[in-house]
Amino acid sequence: MSDPDVHLRKFQKELSTGTVSLALLAVLARAPEPMYGYLIAKELERVGDGVLSGKQSALYPVLRNLEGAGLLESHVEPSVAGPPRRYYRINDDGRAALRQWIAAWTATRDSVESVLEGIN
């Protein structure tokens, strides 16, 4: 017999792959100033009702990928306590991508909700 928890963890991992990028862009689009990784993680926990919590280590590769794709810009600043911090901000290309991703997310969410309707 298969373990339902294993299937759930696999499903959650697959589901979170794209949603983390979407959520990161959204957090940075709402931010009035550039943010470093820990602050981004805390904001995700705060506004995401903890759904994306515990994924802080996974944020850094995603941030680097988004920057590599030209959707974010970053700079490093010295820190009073500890190592220097890399601050990220969304750029115009990132805002354009975010608008497209929100539309894709909304269409996907609505479609899946229609399919799931009536199932308990």
N, C-alpha and C. Protein backbone atom coordinates (compact mmCIF):
# COMPACT_ATOMS: atom_id res chain seq x y z
N MET A 1 0.85 -1.18 0.00
CA MET A 1 0.00 0.00 0.00
C MET A 1 0.90 1.24 0.00
N SER A 2 0.55 2.25 -0.78
CA SER A 2 1.39 3.44 -0.85
C SER A 2 1.08 4.41 0.29
N ASP A 3 2.06 5.22 0.62
CA ASP A 3 1.96 6.17 1.72
C ASP A 3 1.39 7.48 1.19
N PRO A 4 0.19 7.88 1.65
CA PRO A 4 -0.41 9.12 1.15
C PRO A 4 0.44 10.36 1.44
N ASP A 5 1.20 10.33 2.55
CA ASP A 5 2.06 11.48 2.88
C ASP A 5 3.15 11.67 1.84
N VAL A 6 3.69 10.58 1.31
CA VAL A 6 4.72 10.67 0.27
C VAL A 6 4.15 11.34 -0.97
N HIS A 7 2.95 10.94 -1.34
CA HIS A 7 2.30 11.52 -2.52
C HIS A 7 1.99 13.00 -2.30
N LEU A 8 1.56 13.33 -1.08
CA LEU A 8 1.26 14.73 -0.78
C LEU A 8 2.53 15.58 -0.84
N ARG A 9 3.61 15.09 -0.26
CA ARG A 9 4.87 15.85 -0.28
C ARG A 9 5.36 16.06 -1.71
N LYS A 10 5.26 15.04 -2.54
CA LYS A 10 5.67 15.15 -3.94
C LYS A 10 4.79 16.17 -4.66
N PHE A 11 3.49 16.11 -4.45
CA PHE A 11 2.57 17.05 -5.07
C PHE A 11 2.88 18.48 -4.62
N GLN A 12 3.10 18.67 -3.32
CA GLN A 12 3.41 20.00 -2.81
C GLN A 12 4.70 20.54 -3.39
N LYS A 13 5.71 19.68 -3.55
CA LYS A 13 6.98 20.11 -4.13
C LYS A 13 6.79 20.55 -5.57
N GLU A 14 6.06 19.76 -6.35
CA GLU A 14 5.81 20.11 -7.75
C GLU A 14 4.99 21.39 -7.86
N LEU A 15 4.01 21.53 -6.99
CA LEU A 15 3.15 22.71 -7.01
C LEU A 15 3.92 23.97 -6.63
N SER A 16 4.85 23.85 -5.71
CA SER A 16 5.56 25.03 -5.22
C SER A 16 6.61 25.55 -6.19
N THR A 17 7.03 24.74 -7.15
CA THR A 17 8.11 25.14 -8.05
C THR A 17 7.82 26.47 -8.73
N GLY A 18 6.69 26.60 -9.40
CA GLY A 18 6.36 27.85 -10.08
C GLY A 18 5.77 28.90 -9.17
N THR A 19 5.06 28.45 -8.15
CA THR A 19 4.39 29.42 -7.29
C THR A 19 5.38 30.23 -6.45
N VAL A 20 6.52 29.65 -6.12
CA VAL A 20 7.53 30.41 -5.37
C VAL A 20 8.03 31.58 -6.21
N SER A 21 8.30 31.36 -7.48
CA SER A 21 8.75 32.46 -8.36
C SER A 21 7.68 33.54 -8.45
N LEU A 22 6.44 33.13 -8.62
CA LEU A 22 5.33 34.09 -8.69
C LEU A 22 5.24 34.89 -7.39
N ALA A 23 5.31 34.19 -6.26
CA ALA A 23 5.19 34.87 -4.97
C ALA A 23 6.36 35.81 -4.72
N LEU A 24 7.57 35.41 -5.11
CA LEU A 24 8.74 36.28 -4.93
C LEU A 24 8.59 37.56 -5.74
N LEU A 25 8.19 37.43 -6.99
CA LEU A 25 8.00 38.63 -7.81
C LEU A 25 6.92 39.53 -7.21
N ALA A 26 5.85 38.92 -6.70
CA ALA A 26 4.76 39.71 -6.12
C ALA A 26 5.22 40.46 -4.87
N VAL A 27 5.98 39.78 -4.01
CA VAL A 27 6.49 40.44 -2.79
C VAL A 27 7.39 41.62 -3.18
N LEU A 28 8.27 41.41 -4.14
CA LEU A 28 9.19 42.48 -4.54
C LEU A 28 8.45 43.60 -5.27
N ALA A 29 7.37 43.29 -5.97
CA ALA A 29 6.58 44.32 -6.65
C ALA A 29 5.87 45.21 -5.63
N ARG A 30 5.51 44.65 -4.50
CA ARG A 30 4.81 45.41 -3.45
C ARG A 30 5.77 46.19 -2.56
N ALA A 31 7.03 45.81 -2.58
CA ALA A 31 8.01 46.41 -1.65
C ALA A 31 8.37 47.82 -2.09
N PRO A 32 8.39 48.76 -1.16
CA PRO A 32 8.75 50.13 -1.51
C PRO A 32 10.24 50.32 -1.76
N GLU A 33 11.05 49.36 -1.33
CA GLU A 33 12.50 49.45 -1.50
C GLU A 33 13.08 48.05 -1.67
N PRO A 34 14.32 47.93 -2.14
CA PRO A 34 14.91 46.60 -2.31
C PRO A 34 14.93 45.82 -0.99
N MET A 35 14.87 44.50 -1.10
CA MET A 35 14.83 43.63 0.08
C MET A 35 15.89 42.54 -0.06
N TYR A 36 16.41 42.08 1.08
CA TYR A 36 17.33 40.95 1.05
C TYR A 36 16.57 39.67 1.41
N GLY A 37 17.19 38.53 1.16
CA GLY A 37 16.53 37.25 1.24
C GLY A 37 15.74 36.98 2.50
N TYR A 38 16.33 37.24 3.66
CA TYR A 38 15.64 36.96 4.92
C TYR A 38 14.36 37.78 5.04
N LEU A 39 14.42 39.05 4.65
CA LEU A 39 13.22 39.90 4.72
C LEU A 39 12.15 39.41 3.76
N ILE A 40 12.59 38.96 2.57
CA ILE A 40 11.64 38.42 1.60
C ILE A 40 10.96 37.18 2.18
N ALA A 41 11.74 36.31 2.80
CA ALA A 41 11.18 35.09 3.40
C ALA A 41 10.18 35.43 4.49
N LYS A 42 10.51 36.40 5.33
CA LYS A 42 9.60 36.80 6.41
C LYS A 42 8.32 37.40 5.84
N GLU A 43 8.43 38.17 4.77
CA GLU A 43 7.24 38.76 4.15
C GLU A 43 6.38 37.66 3.52
N LEU A 44 7.01 36.68 2.90
CA LEU A 44 6.24 35.55 2.35
C LEU A 44 5.48 34.83 3.45
N GLU A 45 6.12 34.63 4.59
CA GLU A 45 5.44 33.98 5.72
C GLU A 45 4.27 34.84 6.20
N ARG A 46 4.50 36.14 6.28
CA ARG A 46 3.48 37.04 6.82
C ARG A 46 2.26 37.11 5.91
N VAL A 47 2.46 37.37 4.63
CA VAL A 47 1.32 37.57 3.73
C VAL A 47 0.79 36.26 3.15
N GLY A 48 1.59 35.21 3.21
CA GLY A 48 1.18 33.94 2.63
C GLY A 48 0.57 32.97 3.61
N ASP A 49 0.21 33.44 4.79
CA ASP A 49 -0.39 32.58 5.82
C ASP A 49 0.44 31.32 6.09
N GLY A 50 1.75 31.44 5.93
CA GLY A 50 2.63 30.33 6.24
C GLY A 50 2.68 29.24 5.19
N VAL A 51 1.93 29.38 4.09
CA VAL A 51 1.90 28.33 3.07
C VAL A 51 3.29 28.12 2.48
N LEU A 52 4.04 29.20 2.31
CA LEU A 52 5.37 29.10 1.72
C LEU A 52 6.47 29.13 2.78
N SER A 53 6.11 29.01 4.05
CA SER A 53 7.14 29.07 5.09
C SER A 53 7.99 27.80 5.06
N GLY A 54 9.17 27.91 5.63
CA GLY A 54 10.08 26.78 5.67
C GLY A 54 10.82 26.58 4.36
N LYS A 55 10.68 27.51 3.46
CA LYS A 55 11.31 27.38 2.15
C LYS A 55 12.41 28.42 1.96
N GLN A 56 12.91 29.00 3.05
CA GLN A 56 13.88 30.09 2.93
C GLN A 56 15.12 29.68 2.13
N SER A 57 15.63 28.48 2.37
CA SER A 57 16.83 28.07 1.65
C SER A 57 16.55 27.92 0.15
N ALA A 58 15.32 27.61 -0.19
CA ALA A 58 14.95 27.46 -1.61
C ALA A 58 14.79 28.81 -2.30
N LEU A 59 14.67 29.88 -1.54
CA LEU A 59 14.45 31.20 -2.14
C LEU A 59 15.67 31.70 -2.89
N TYR A 60 16.85 31.43 -2.36
CA TYR A 60 18.06 32.02 -2.95
C TYR A 60 18.33 31.55 -4.38
N PRO A 61 18.21 30.24 -4.65
CA PRO A 61 18.38 29.83 -6.06
C PRO A 61 17.31 30.43 -6.97
N VAL A 62 16.09 30.56 -6.47
CA VAL A 62 15.01 31.15 -7.28
C VAL A 62 15.30 32.62 -7.53
N LEU A 63 15.76 33.34 -6.51
CA LEU A 63 16.12 34.75 -6.69
C LEU A 63 17.23 34.89 -7.73
N ARG A 64 18.24 34.02 -7.65
CA ARG A 64 19.33 34.06 -8.64
C ARG A 64 18.82 33.76 -10.05
N ASN A 65 17.91 32.79 -10.15
CA ASN A 65 17.35 32.46 -11.46
C ASN A 65 16.53 33.61 -12.02
N LEU A 66 15.74 34.26 -11.18
CA LEU A 66 14.93 35.40 -11.63
C LEU A 66 15.83 36.56 -12.06
N GLU A 67 16.92 36.75 -11.32
CA GLU A 67 17.88 37.79 -11.71
C GLU A 67 18.56 37.42 -13.02
N GLY A 68 18.95 36.16 -13.16
CA GLY A 68 19.58 35.69 -14.38
C GLY A 68 18.68 35.82 -15.59
N ALA A 69 17.37 35.72 -15.36
CA ALA A 69 16.39 35.85 -16.44
C ALA A 69 16.11 37.32 -16.76
N GLY A 70 16.72 38.23 -15.99
CA GLY A 70 16.54 39.66 -16.25
C GLY A 70 15.29 40.26 -15.63
N LEU A 71 14.68 39.56 -14.65
CA LEU A 71 13.45 40.04 -14.04
C LEU A 71 13.69 40.79 -12.73
N LEU A 72 14.87 40.61 -12.16
CA LEU A 72 15.26 41.29 -10.92
C LEU A 72 16.64 41.91 -11.11
N GLU A 73 16.93 42.89 -10.28
CA GLU A 73 18.26 43.46 -10.19
C GLU A 73 18.69 43.35 -8.73
N SER A 74 19.98 43.28 -8.50
CA SER A 74 20.45 43.19 -7.13
C SER A 74 21.73 43.99 -6.94
N HIS A 75 21.99 44.28 -5.68
CA HIS A 75 23.26 44.90 -5.30
C HIS A 75 23.60 44.41 -3.89
N VAL A 76 24.88 44.46 -3.57
CA VAL A 76 25.35 44.00 -2.27
C VAL A 76 25.70 45.21 -1.41
N GLU A 77 25.27 45.14 -0.15
CA GLU A 77 25.60 46.19 0.83
C GLU A 77 26.23 45.54 2.04
N PRO A 78 27.22 46.21 2.64
CA PRO A 78 27.81 45.67 3.88
C PRO A 78 26.74 45.63 4.98
N SER A 79 26.90 44.70 5.89
CA SER A 79 25.97 44.57 7.00
C SER A 79 26.69 44.95 8.29
N VAL A 80 25.97 45.59 9.20
CA VAL A 80 26.54 45.96 10.49
C VAL A 80 26.93 44.71 11.26
N ALA A 81 26.04 43.70 11.22
CA ALA A 81 26.31 42.44 11.91
C ALA A 81 26.24 41.31 10.89
N GLY A 82 27.36 40.66 10.65
CA GLY A 82 27.36 39.53 9.75
C GLY A 82 27.87 39.87 8.36
N PRO A 83 27.69 38.93 7.44
CA PRO A 83 28.21 39.12 6.08
C PRO A 83 27.41 40.16 5.30
N PRO A 84 27.95 40.63 4.19
CA PRO A 84 27.21 41.57 3.36
C PRO A 84 25.89 40.95 2.89
N ARG A 85 24.93 41.81 2.60
CA ARG A 85 23.60 41.34 2.17
C ARG A 85 23.36 41.73 0.72
N ARG A 86 22.75 40.80 -0.01
CA ARG A 86 22.36 41.08 -1.39
C ARG A 86 20.90 41.52 -1.38
N TYR A 87 20.66 42.73 -1.88
CA TYR A 87 19.32 43.29 -1.96
C TYR A 87 18.78 43.13 -3.37
N TYR A 88 17.50 42.73 -3.46
CA TYR A 88 16.85 42.51 -4.75
C TYR A 88 15.72 43.50 -4.95
N ARG A 89 15.53 43.89 -6.21
CA ARG A 89 14.36 44.68 -6.56
C ARG A 89 13.87 44.22 -7.93
N ILE A 90 12.57 44.32 -8.13
CA ILE A 90 11.98 43.94 -9.40
C ILE A 90 12.18 45.08 -10.39
N ASN A 91 12.42 44.76 -11.66
CA ASN A 91 12.59 45.78 -12.68
C ASN A 91 11.37 45.78 -13.61
N ASP A 92 11.40 46.59 -14.65
CA ASP A 92 10.25 46.70 -15.56
C ASP A 92 9.93 45.37 -16.24
N ASP A 93 10.97 44.63 -16.65
CA ASP A 93 10.73 43.32 -17.27
C ASP A 93 10.09 42.37 -16.27
N GLY A 94 10.51 42.45 -15.02
CA GLY A 94 9.91 41.62 -13.97
C GLY A 94 8.46 41.97 -13.73
N ARG A 95 8.15 43.26 -13.77
CA ARG A 95 6.74 43.68 -13.59
C ARG A 95 5.88 43.18 -14.75
N ALA A 96 6.42 43.24 -15.97
CA ALA A 96 5.68 42.74 -17.14
C ALA A 96 5.46 41.23 -17.02
N ALA A 97 6.51 40.50 -16.62
CA ALA A 97 6.39 39.05 -16.43
C ALA A 97 5.37 38.75 -15.33
N LEU A 98 5.41 39.51 -14.25
CA LEU A 98 4.48 39.30 -13.15
C LEU A 98 3.04 39.44 -13.62
N ARG A 99 2.76 40.45 -14.43
CA ARG A 99 1.39 40.63 -14.95
C ARG A 99 0.96 39.40 -15.76
N GLN A 100 1.86 38.89 -16.59
CA GLN A 100 1.55 37.70 -17.39
C GLN A 100 1.36 36.47 -16.50
N TRP A 101 2.23 36.32 -15.52
CA TRP A 101 2.15 35.16 -14.63
C TRP A 101 0.88 35.20 -13.79
N ILE A 102 0.47 36.40 -13.36
CA ILE A 102 -0.77 36.51 -12.58
C ILE A 102 -1.95 36.07 -13.45
N ALA A 103 -1.97 36.50 -14.72
CA ALA A 103 -3.05 36.09 -15.62
C ALA A 103 -3.04 34.58 -15.81
N ALA A 104 -1.86 33.99 -16.00
CA ALA A 104 -1.75 32.54 -16.17
C ALA A 104 -2.19 31.81 -14.90
N TRP A 105 -1.75 32.32 -13.75
CA TRP A 105 -2.13 31.73 -12.46
C TRP A 105 -3.64 31.77 -12.27
N THR A 106 -4.23 32.92 -12.55
CA THR A 106 -5.68 33.09 -12.36
C THR A 106 -6.45 32.13 -13.26
N ALA A 107 -6.04 32.03 -14.52
CA ALA A 107 -6.72 31.12 -15.45
C ALA A 107 -6.58 29.67 -14.98
N THR A 108 -5.38 29.30 -14.54
CA THR A 108 -5.14 27.93 -14.07
C THR A 108 -5.95 27.65 -12.81
N ARG A 109 -5.91 28.58 -11.87
CA ARG A 109 -6.66 28.41 -10.61
C ARG A 109 -8.15 28.25 -10.90
N ASP A 110 -8.70 29.11 -11.75
CA ASP A 110 -10.13 29.05 -12.07
C ASP A 110 -10.48 27.72 -12.74
N SER A 111 -9.62 27.28 -13.64
CA SER A 111 -9.87 26.03 -14.34
C SER A 111 -9.84 24.84 -13.38
N VAL A 112 -8.84 24.80 -12.51
CA VAL A 112 -8.74 23.70 -11.56
C VAL A 112 -9.91 23.73 -10.58
N GLU A 113 -10.30 24.93 -10.13
CA GLU A 113 -11.43 25.02 -9.21
C GLU A 113 -12.71 24.51 -9.86
N SER A 114 -12.88 24.77 -11.16
CA SER A 114 -14.05 24.26 -11.88
C SER A 114 -14.06 22.74 -11.91
N VAL A 115 -12.90 22.16 -12.16
CA VAL A 115 -12.80 20.70 -12.21
C VAL A 115 -13.06 20.09 -10.84
N LEU A 116 -12.57 20.75 -9.79
CA LEU A 116 -12.69 20.21 -8.44
C LEU A 116 -14.05 20.46 -7.79
N GLU A 117 -14.84 21.33 -8.38
CA GLU A 117 -16.12 21.72 -7.79
C GLU A 117 -16.99 20.48 -7.51
N GLY A 118 -17.52 20.43 -6.32
CA GLY A 118 -18.41 19.35 -5.95
C GLY A 118 -17.74 18.12 -5.37
N ILE A 119 -16.40 18.11 -5.36
CA ILE A 119 -15.69 16.97 -4.76
C ILE A 119 -15.39 17.30 -3.30
N ASN A 120 -15.68 16.34 -2.44
CA ASN A 120 -15.41 16.56 -1.01
C ASN A 120 -14.17 15.88 -0.61
